[in-house]
Amino acid sequence: MTLYLIAAAVFGVAAFAQAVTGFGFSLVSVPLLAMADQPQPAVVSATIISLLLNAVTAWRERAHAERPVARRLLLAVAVGMPLGLLLLISLPDLALLALIAVVNLASTVVVWRGWQLSPGAGTAAAAGILAGVLTTTTGTNGPPLVATLRAMKLEPRVFRATVALIFGVVGPVAVVGFGIAGTLTWHAVLLATAGLPATALGAWLGNILFHRLNPAAFRRLVLSCLAASALAALANATTRAI
């Protein structure tokens, strides 16, 4: 029961952070939950809830999505997802926990620095493949795609709608892949279910407070917490290994 309460708290905070800043759900939830539980159910349960959040946004903003861009990136993501699944089921828990920590730390740096990738076809394909690998390995697939879409100079609402559309399509495919690989366990589903009410509450509060908080200051606070949680997860993996 304690673990499910922790999962609910983690998912609630992650949803709040994403509602206020526009990013961070998996970056917040996966490393923290992986420290409290095993990494595989942390990745799977976070992916389940993330797909629900993105599906809602994708439907609400569907008229603004840049569909040709989304289709090109989705094809590349599909190429990388099987490799990510292979890593998820073959890596030992300690190695997977360390990988989650390192990827989240690197992703935090990418978001913090606002890095952009060249909008060329080759770079976009590589970013999509990397995002696919990360989707089914660590659950943190956003930064490569965000860095690519930023370089395309999309309008903010178009950017948000396109990202949500991509993640809204990738999420269900990832869950099917988890089922095929045997990592979609009842435990992971129960973790996600326990987190749904808190996720809804966190997203609701975040949307209410969006215009009352200083987004830039809150963004810096979230990024600082993300870096700290990634370092804590890395230290936890190192301690377990010793």
C-alpha atoms as a PDB file:
ATOM      1  CA  MET A   1       0.000   0.000   0.000  1.00  0.00           C
ATOM      2  CA  THR A   2       2.840   2.412   0.847  1.00  0.00           C
ATOM      3  CA  LEU A   3       4.349   1.932  -2.616  1.00  0.00           C
ATOM      4  CA  TYR A   4       1.061   2.830  -4.308  1.00  0.00           C
ATOM      5  CA  LEU A   5       0.775   5.976  -2.186  1.00  0.00           C
ATOM      6  CA  ILE A   6       4.312   6.920  -3.212  1.00  0.00           C
ATOM      7  CA  ALA A   7       3.401   6.303  -6.864  1.00  0.00           C
ATOM      8  CA  ALA A   8       0.318   8.496  -6.516  1.00  0.00           C
ATOM      9  CA  ALA A   9       2.373  11.306  -4.978  1.00  0.00           C
ATOM     10  CA  VAL A  10       5.080  11.046  -7.640  1.00  0.00           C
ATOM     11  CA  PHE A  11       2.613  11.047 -10.526  1.00  0.00           C
ATOM     12  CA  GLY A  12       0.665  13.938  -9.010  1.00  0.00           C
ATOM     13  CA  VAL A  13       3.779  16.087  -8.697  1.00  0.00           C
ATOM     14  CA  ALA A  14       4.909  15.111 -12.206  1.00  0.00           C
ATOM     15  CA  ALA A  15       1.529  16.054 -13.709  1.00  0.00           C
ATOM     16  CA  PHE A  16       1.579  19.382 -11.868  1.00  0.00           C
ATOM     17  CA  ALA A  17       5.076  20.150 -13.182  1.00  0.00           C
ATOM     18  CA  GLN A  18       4.080  19.300 -16.748  1.00  0.00           C
ATOM     19  CA  ALA A  19       0.901  21.393 -16.579  1.00  0.00           C
ATOM     20  CA  VAL A  20       2.845  24.462 -15.432  1.00  0.00           C
ATOM     21  CA  THR A  21       5.990  24.107 -17.531  1.00  0.00           C
ATOM     22  CA  GLY A  22       4.869  21.981 -20.505  1.00  0.00           C
ATOM     23  CA  PHE A  23       7.410  19.259 -19.864  1.00  0.00           C
ATOM     24  CA  GLY A  24       8.772  16.936 -17.238  1.00  0.00           C
ATOM     25  CA  PHE A  25       6.237  14.189 -16.553  1.00  0.00           C
ATOM     26  CA  SER A  26       8.536  11.239 -17.289  1.00  0.00           C
ATOM     27  CA  LEU A  27      11.630  13.147 -16.212  1.00  0.00           C
ATOM     28  CA  VAL A  28      10.077  13.640 -12.771  1.00  0.00           C
ATOM     29  CA  SER A  29       8.250  10.364 -12.307  1.00  0.00           C
ATOM     30  CA  VAL A  30      10.481   7.610 -13.714  1.00  0.00           C
ATOM     31  CA  PRO A  31      13.693   8.095 -11.677  1.00  0.00           C
ATOM     32  CA  LEU A  32      11.821   8.746  -8.419  1.00  0.00           C
ATOM     33  CA  LEU A  33       9.520   5.754  -8.827  1.00  0.00           C
ATOM     34  CA  ALA A  34      12.417   3.554  -9.960  1.00  0.00           C
ATOM     35  CA  MET A  35      14.168   4.280  -6.668  1.00  0.00           C
ATOM     36  CA  ALA A  36      11.083   3.256  -4.689  1.00  0.00           C
ATOM     37  CA  ASP A  37      10.311   0.210  -6.836  1.00  0.00           C
ATOM     38  CA  GLN A  38      11.971  -1.683  -9.706  1.00  0.00           C
ATOM     39  CA  PRO A  39      12.861   0.207 -12.901  1.00  0.00           C
ATOM     40  CA  GLN A  40      10.713  -1.843 -15.298  1.00  0.00           C
ATOM     41  CA  PRO A  41       7.326  -1.164 -13.646  1.00  0.00           C
ATOM     42  CA  ALA A  42       8.352   2.470 -13.149  1.00  0.00           C
ATOM     43  CA  VAL A  43       8.917   2.892 -16.907  1.00  0.00           C
ATOM     44  CA  VAL A  44       5.757   0.999 -17.868  1.00  0.00           C
ATOM     45  CA  SER A  45       3.405   2.717 -15.397  1.00  0.00           C
ATOM     46  CA  ALA A  46       4.741   6.183 -16.260  1.00  0.00           C
ATOM     47  CA  THR A  47       4.271   5.440 -19.955  1.00  0.00           C
ATOM     48  CA  ILE A  48       0.647   4.417 -19.369  1.00  0.00           C
ATOM     49  CA  ILE A  49      -0.216   7.642 -17.563  1.00  0.00           C
ATOM     50  CA  SER A  50       1.834   9.786 -19.940  1.00  0.00           C
ATOM     51  CA  LEU A  51      -0.050   8.421 -22.943  1.00  0.00           C
ATOM     52  CA  LEU A  52      -3.370   9.339 -21.311  1.00  0.00           C
ATOM     53  CA  LEU A  53      -2.210  12.904 -20.633  1.00  0.00           C
ATOM     54  CA  ASN A  54      -0.893  13.327 -24.162  1.00  0.00           C
ATOM     55  CA  ALA A  55      -3.973  11.760 -25.736  1.00  0.00           C
ATOM     56  CA  VAL A  56      -6.179  14.345 -24.012  1.00  0.00           C
ATOM     57  CA  THR A  57      -3.933  17.207 -25.173  1.00  0.00           C
ATOM     58  CA  ALA A  58      -3.622  15.786 -28.699  1.00  0.00           C
ATOM     59  CA  TRP A  59      -7.408  15.559 -29.055  1.00  0.00           C
ATOM     60  CA  ARG A  60      -7.997  19.024 -27.618  1.00  0.00           C
ATOM     61  CA  GLU A  61      -5.337  20.617 -29.850  1.00  0.00           C
ATOM     62  CA  ARG A  62      -5.800  18.370 -32.901  1.00  0.00           C
ATOM     63  CA  ALA A  63      -6.612  21.231 -35.254  1.00  0.00           C
ATOM     64  CA  HIS A  64      -3.192  22.816 -34.648  1.00  0.00           C
ATOM     65  CA  ALA A  65      -0.911  19.783 -35.096  1.00  0.00           C
ATOM     66  CA  GLU A  66       1.610  19.755 -37.940  1.00  0.00           C
ATOM     67  CA  ARG A  67       0.668  16.303 -39.211  1.00  0.00           C
ATOM     68  CA  PRO A  68       3.321  15.845 -41.973  1.00  0.00           C
ATOM     69  CA  VAL A  69       6.074  16.583 -39.444  1.00  0.00           C
ATOM     70  CA  ALA A  70       4.493  14.219 -36.914  1.00  0.00           C
ATOM     71  CA  ARG A  71       4.258  11.410 -39.492  1.00  0.00           C
ATOM     72  CA  ARG A  72       7.939  11.681 -40.450  1.00  0.00           C
ATOM     73  CA  LEU A  73       9.090  11.608 -36.850  1.00  0.00           C
ATOM     74  CA  LEU A  74       6.720   8.781 -35.932  1.00  0.00           C
ATOM     75  CA  LEU A  75       8.232   6.558 -38.633  1.00  0.00           C
ATOM     76  CA  ALA A  76      11.683   7.110 -37.129  1.00  0.00           C
ATOM     77  CA  VAL A  77      10.409   6.519 -33.597  1.00  0.00           C
ATOM     78  CA  ALA A  78       8.902   3.201 -34.710  1.00  0.00           C
ATOM     79  CA  VAL A  79      12.334   2.051 -35.885  1.00  0.00           C
ATOM     80  CA  GLY A  80      13.925   2.658 -32.476  1.00  0.00           C
ATOM     81  CA  MET A  81      11.229   1.212 -30.219  1.00  0.00           C
ATOM     82  CA  PRO A  82      12.055  -2.508 -30.724  1.00  0.00           C
ATOM     83  CA  LEU A  83      15.677  -1.875 -29.739  1.00  0.00           C
ATOM     84  CA  GLY A  84      14.491  -0.087 -26.609  1.00  0.00           C
ATOM     85  CA  LEU A  85      12.301  -3.053 -25.705  1.00  0.00           C
ATOM     86  CA  LEU A  86      15.258  -5.382 -26.134  1.00  0.00           C
ATOM     87  CA  LEU A  87      17.301  -3.256 -23.741  1.00  0.00           C
ATOM     88  CA  LEU A  88      14.425  -3.076 -21.232  1.00  0.00           C
ATOM     89  CA  ILE A  89      14.089  -6.854 -20.945  1.00  0.00           C
ATOM     90  CA  SER A  90      17.786  -7.712 -21.193  1.00  0.00           C
ATOM     91  CA  LEU A  91      19.479  -5.161 -18.947  1.00  0.00           C
ATOM     92  CA  PRO A  92      19.858  -6.037 -15.236  1.00  0.00           C
ATOM     93  CA  ASP A  93      17.886  -3.833 -12.867  1.00  0.00           C
ATOM     94  CA  LEU A  94      20.977  -1.993 -11.651  1.00  0.00           C
ATOM     95  CA  ALA A  95      22.138  -1.238 -15.171  1.00  0.00           C
ATOM     96  CA  LEU A  96      18.643  -0.090 -16.143  1.00  0.00           C
ATOM     97  CA  LEU A  97      18.383   2.110 -13.063  1.00  0.00           C
ATOM     98  CA  ALA A  98      21.760   3.688 -13.876  1.00  0.00           C
ATOM     99  CA  LEU A  99      20.718   4.182 -17.506  1.00  0.00           C
ATOM    100  CA  ILE A 100      17.495   5.898 -16.419  1.00  0.00           C
ATOM    101  CA  ALA A 101      19.477   8.220 -14.159  1.00  0.00           C
ATOM    102  CA  VAL A 102      22.052   9.093 -16.830  1.00  0.00           C
ATOM    103  CA  VAL A 103      19.424   9.636 -19.544  1.00  0.00           C
ATOM    104  CA  ASN A 104      17.322  11.828 -17.255  1.00  0.00           C
ATOM    105  CA  LEU A 105      20.347  13.896 -16.273  1.00  0.00           C
ATOM    106  CA  ALA A 106      21.341  14.352 -19.922  1.00  0.00           C
ATOM    107  CA  SER A 107      17.735  15.165 -20.856  1.00  0.00           C
ATOM    108  CA  THR A 108      17.563  17.786 -18.117  1.00  0.00           C
ATOM    109  CA  VAL A 109      20.674  19.446 -19.517  1.00  0.00           C
ATOM    110  CA  VAL A 110      19.187  19.417 -23.037  1.00  0.00           C
ATOM    111  CA  VAL A 111      15.957  21.057 -21.839  1.00  0.00           C
ATOM    112  CA  TRP A 112      17.788  23.496 -19.537  1.00  0.00           C
ATOM    113  CA  ARG A 113      20.114  24.686 -22.284  1.00  0.00           C
ATOM    114  CA  GLY A 114      17.345  24.840 -24.871  1.00  0.00           C
ATOM    115  CA  TRP A 115      19.447  22.981 -27.404  1.00  0.00           C
ATOM    116  CA  GLN A 116      18.179  22.625 -30.937  1.00  0.00           C
ATOM    117  CA  LEU A 117      19.080  20.106 -33.612  1.00  0.00           C
ATOM    118  CA  SER A 118      19.400  20.807 -37.300  1.00  0.00           C
ATOM    119  CA  PRO A 119      15.990  20.446 -38.975  1.00  0.00           C
ATOM    120  CA  GLY A 120      17.520  18.318 -41.737  1.00  0.00           C
ATOM    121  CA  ALA A 121      15.927  14.988 -42.628  1.00  0.00           C
ATOM    122  CA  GLY A 122      18.891  12.925 -41.431  1.00  0.00           C
ATOM    123  CA  THR A 123      19.101  14.644 -38.054  1.00  0.00           C
ATOM    124  CA  ALA A 124      15.346  14.400 -37.539  1.00  0.00           C
ATOM    125  CA  ALA A 125      15.429  10.684 -38.373  1.00  0.00           C
ATOM    126  CA  ALA A 126      18.267  10.082 -35.914  1.00  0.00           C
ATOM    127  CA  ALA A 127      16.443  12.038 -33.200  1.00  0.00           C
ATOM    128  CA  GLY A 128      13.279  10.038 -33.847  1.00  0.00           C
ATOM    129  CA  ILE A 129      15.110   6.712 -33.635  1.00  0.00           C
ATOM    130  CA  LEU A 130      16.765   7.786 -30.379  1.00  0.00           C
ATOM    131  CA  ALA A 131      13.373   8.856 -29.015  1.00  0.00           C
ATOM    132  CA  GLY A 132      11.989   5.444 -29.944  1.00  0.00           C
ATOM    133  CA  VAL A 133      14.781   3.662 -28.089  1.00  0.00           C
ATOM    134  CA  LEU A 134      14.260   5.850 -25.028  1.00  0.00           C
ATOM    135  CA  THR A 135      10.470   5.388 -25.133  1.00  0.00           C
ATOM    136  CA  THR A 136      10.651   1.686 -24.415  1.00  0.00           C
ATOM    137  CA  THR A 137      13.813   1.722 -22.288  1.00  0.00           C
ATOM    138  CA  THR A 138      13.579   4.682 -19.923  1.00  0.00           C
ATOM    139  CA  GLY A 139      10.211   6.288 -20.726  1.00  0.00           C
ATOM    140  CA  THR A 140      12.016   9.602 -21.308  1.00  0.00           C
ATOM    141  CA  ASN A 141      11.550  10.203 -25.014  1.00  0.00           C
ATOM    142  CA  GLY A 142      10.874  13.925 -25.148  1.00  0.00           C
ATOM    143  CA  PRO A 143      14.207  15.773 -25.405  1.00  0.00           C
ATOM    144  CA  PRO A 144      15.372  14.464 -28.829  1.00  0.00           C
ATOM    145  CA  LEU A 145      12.004  15.270 -30.394  1.00  0.00           C
ATOM    146  CA  VAL A 146      11.680  18.613 -28.606  1.00  0.00           C
ATOM    147  CA  ALA A 147      15.180  19.644 -29.724  1.00  0.00           C
ATOM    148  CA  THR A 148      14.255  18.779 -33.321  1.00  0.00           C
ATOM    149  CA  LEU A 149      10.876  20.517 -33.310  1.00  0.00           C
ATOM    150  CA  ARG A 150      12.349  23.647 -31.740  1.00  0.00           C
ATOM    151  CA  ALA A 151      14.632  24.012 -34.756  1.00  0.00           C
ATOM    152  CA  MET A 152      11.585  23.973 -37.052  1.00  0.00           C
ATOM    153  CA  LYS A 153      10.408  27.264 -35.499  1.00  0.00           C
ATOM    154  CA  LEU A 154       6.822  26.099 -35.006  1.00  0.00           C
ATOM    155  CA  GLU A 155       4.350  28.418 -33.348  1.00  0.00           C
ATOM    156  CA  PRO A 156       3.946  27.574 -29.617  1.00  0.00           C
ATOM    157  CA  ARG A 157       0.453  26.117 -29.973  1.00  0.00           C
ATOM    158  CA  VAL A 158       1.443  24.153 -33.101  1.00  0.00           C
ATOM    159  CA  PHE A 159       4.557  22.926 -31.294  1.00  0.00           C
ATOM    160  CA  ARG A 160       2.540  21.731 -28.295  1.00  0.00           C
ATOM    161  CA  ALA A 161      -0.099  20.065 -30.460  1.00  0.00           C
ATOM    162  CA  THR A 162       2.485  18.297 -32.622  1.00  0.00           C
ATOM    163  CA  VAL A 163       4.425  16.988 -29.616  1.00  0.00           C
ATOM    164  CA  ALA A 164       1.215  15.749 -27.991  1.00  0.00           C
ATOM    165  CA  LEU A 165       0.143  14.036 -31.223  1.00  0.00           C
ATOM    166  CA  ILE A 166       3.470  12.207 -31.507  1.00  0.00           C
ATOM    167  CA  PHE A 167       3.448  11.092 -27.875  1.00  0.00           C
ATOM    168  CA  GLY A 168      -0.261  10.252 -28.068  1.00  0.00           C
ATOM    169  CA  VAL A 169       0.447   7.801 -30.892  1.00  0.00           C
ATOM    170  CA  VAL A 170       3.733   6.454 -29.500  1.00  0.00           C
ATOM    171  CA  GLY A 171       2.299   5.711 -26.041  1.00  0.00           C
ATOM    172  CA  PRO A 172      -0.234   3.013 -27.021  1.00  0.00           C
ATOM    173  CA  VAL A 173       2.308   1.379 -29.342  1.00  0.00           C
ATOM    174  CA  ALA A 174       4.813   1.294 -26.486  1.00  0.00           C
ATOM    175  CA  VAL A 175       2.249  -0.294 -24.154  1.00  0.00           C
ATOM    176  CA  VAL A 176       1.499  -2.985 -26.753  1.00  0.00           C
ATOM    177  CA  GLY A 177       5.240  -3.566 -27.020  1.00  0.00           C
ATOM    178  CA  PHE A 178       5.489  -3.910 -23.246  1.00  0.00           C
ATOM    179  CA  GLY A 179       2.725  -6.501 -23.393  1.00  0.00           C
ATOM    180  CA  ILE A 180       4.522  -8.497 -26.081  1.00  0.00           C
ATOM    181  CA  ALA A 181       7.796  -8.309 -24.142  1.00  0.00           C
ATOM    182  CA  GLY A 182       6.121  -9.407 -20.904  1.00  0.00           C
ATOM    183  CA  THR A 183       6.832  -6.222 -18.954  1.00  0.00           C
ATOM    184  CA  LEU A 184       3.192  -5.054 -18.871  1.00  0.00           C
ATOM    185  CA  THR A 185       2.554  -6.656 -15.496  1.00  0.00           C
ATOM    186  CA  TRP A 186      -0.413  -6.289 -13.166  1.00  0.00           C
ATOM    187  CA  HIS A 187       1.915  -4.529 -10.757  1.00  0.00           C
ATOM    188  CA  ALA A 188       2.750  -1.839 -13.327  1.00  0.00           C
ATOM    189  CA  VAL A 189      -0.930  -1.445 -14.229  1.00  0.00           C
ATOM    190  CA  LEU A 190      -1.882  -1.097 -10.562  1.00  0.00           C
ATOM    191  CA  LEU A 191       0.820   1.543 -10.062  1.00  0.00           C
ATOM    192  CA  ALA A 192      -0.615   3.527 -12.959  1.00  0.00           C
ATOM    193  CA  THR A 193      -4.167   3.056 -11.692  1.00  0.00           C
ATOM    194  CA  ALA A 194      -3.196   4.220  -8.214  1.00  0.00           C
ATOM    195  CA  GLY A 195      -1.638   7.315  -9.744  1.00  0.00           C
ATOM    196  CA  LEU A 196      -4.559   8.343 -11.962  1.00  0.00           C
ATOM    197  CA  PRO A 197      -6.547  10.392  -9.387  1.00  0.00           C
ATOM    198  CA  ALA A 198      -3.409  12.223  -8.213  1.00  0.00           C
ATOM    199  CA  THR A 199      -2.371  12.793 -11.841  1.00  0.00           C
ATOM    200  CA  ALA A 200      -5.733  14.360 -12.643  1.00  0.00           C
ATOM    201  CA  LEU A 201      -5.521  16.533  -9.520  1.00  0.00           C
ATOM    202  CA  GLY A 202      -1.948  17.605 -10.276  1.00  0.00           C
ATOM    203  CA  ALA A 203      -2.794  18.502 -13.866  1.00  0.00           C
ATOM    204  CA  TRP A 204      -5.901  20.425 -12.736  1.00  0.00           C
ATOM    205  CA  LEU A 205      -3.986  22.420 -10.129  1.00  0.00           C
ATOM    206  CA  GLY A 206      -1.147  23.067 -12.572  1.00  0.00           C
ATOM    207  CA  ASN A 207      -3.539  24.453 -15.185  1.00  0.00           C
ATOM    208  CA  ILE A 208      -5.223  26.678 -12.591  1.00  0.00           C
ATOM    209  CA  LEU A 209      -1.932  28.027 -11.276  1.00  0.00           C
ATOM    210  CA  PHE A 210      -0.266  28.365 -14.682  1.00  0.00           C
ATOM    211  CA  HIS A 211      -1.095  32.066 -15.003  1.00  0.00           C
ATOM    212  CA  ARG A 212      -0.494  32.832 -11.311  1.00  0.00           C
ATOM    213  CA  LEU A 213       3.025  31.450 -11.028  1.00  0.00           C
ATOM    214  CA  ASN A 214       6.180  32.797 -12.569  1.00  0.00           C
ATOM    215  CA  PRO A 215       6.680  30.178 -15.317  1.00  0.00           C
ATOM    216  CA  ALA A 216      10.371  30.972 -15.794  1.00  0.00           C
ATOM    217  CA  ALA A 217      11.166  30.708 -12.087  1.00  0.00           C
ATOM    218  CA  PHE A 218       9.091  27.547 -11.698  1.00  0.00           C
ATOM    219  CA  ARG A 219      10.797  26.055 -14.766  1.00  0.00           C
ATOM    220  CA  ARG A 220      14.211  26.631 -13.155  1.00  0.00           C
ATOM    221  CA  LEU A 221      12.965  25.055  -9.923  1.00  0.00           C
ATOM    222  CA  VAL A 222      11.651  21.982 -11.782  1.00  0.00           C
ATOM    223  CA  LEU A 223      14.892  21.592 -13.735  1.00  0.00           C
ATOM    224  CA  SER A 224      16.919  21.848 -10.535  1.00  0.00           C
ATOM    225  CA  CYS A 225      14.755  19.163  -8.933  1.00  0.00           C
ATOM    226  CA  LEU A 226      15.096  16.995 -12.039  1.00  0.00           C
ATOM    227  CA  ALA A 227      18.879  17.214 -11.901  1.00  0.00           C
ATOM    228  CA  ALA A 228      18.832  16.393  -8.192  1.00  0.00           C
ATOM    229  CA  SER A 229      16.528  13.381  -8.684  1.00  0.00           C
ATOM    230  CA  ALA A 230      18.672  12.041 -11.536  1.00  0.00           C
ATOM    231  CA  LEU A 231      21.816  12.364  -9.407  1.00  0.00           C
ATOM    232  CA  ALA A 232      20.029  10.690  -6.493  1.00  0.00           C
ATOM    233  CA  ALA A 233      18.940   7.830  -8.755  1.00  0.00           C
ATOM    234  CA  LEU A 234      22.498   7.423 -10.027  1.00  0.00           C
ATOM    235  CA  ALA A 235      23.826   7.401  -6.469  1.00  0.00           C
ATOM    236  CA  ASN A 236      21.156   4.852  -5.527  1.00  0.00           C
ATOM    237  CA  ALA A 237      22.223   2.573  -8.392  1.00  0.00           C
ATOM    238  CA  THR A 238      25.863   2.915  -7.374  1.00  0.00           C
ATOM    239  CA  THR A 239      25.033   2.122  -3.747  1.00  0.00           C
ATOM    240  CA  ARG A 240      23.042  -0.968  -4.745  1.00  0.00           C
ATOM    241  CA  ALA A 241      25.914  -2.147  -6.907  1.00  0.00           C
ATOM    242  CA  ILE A 242      28.316  -1.854  -3.988  1.00  0.00           C
END
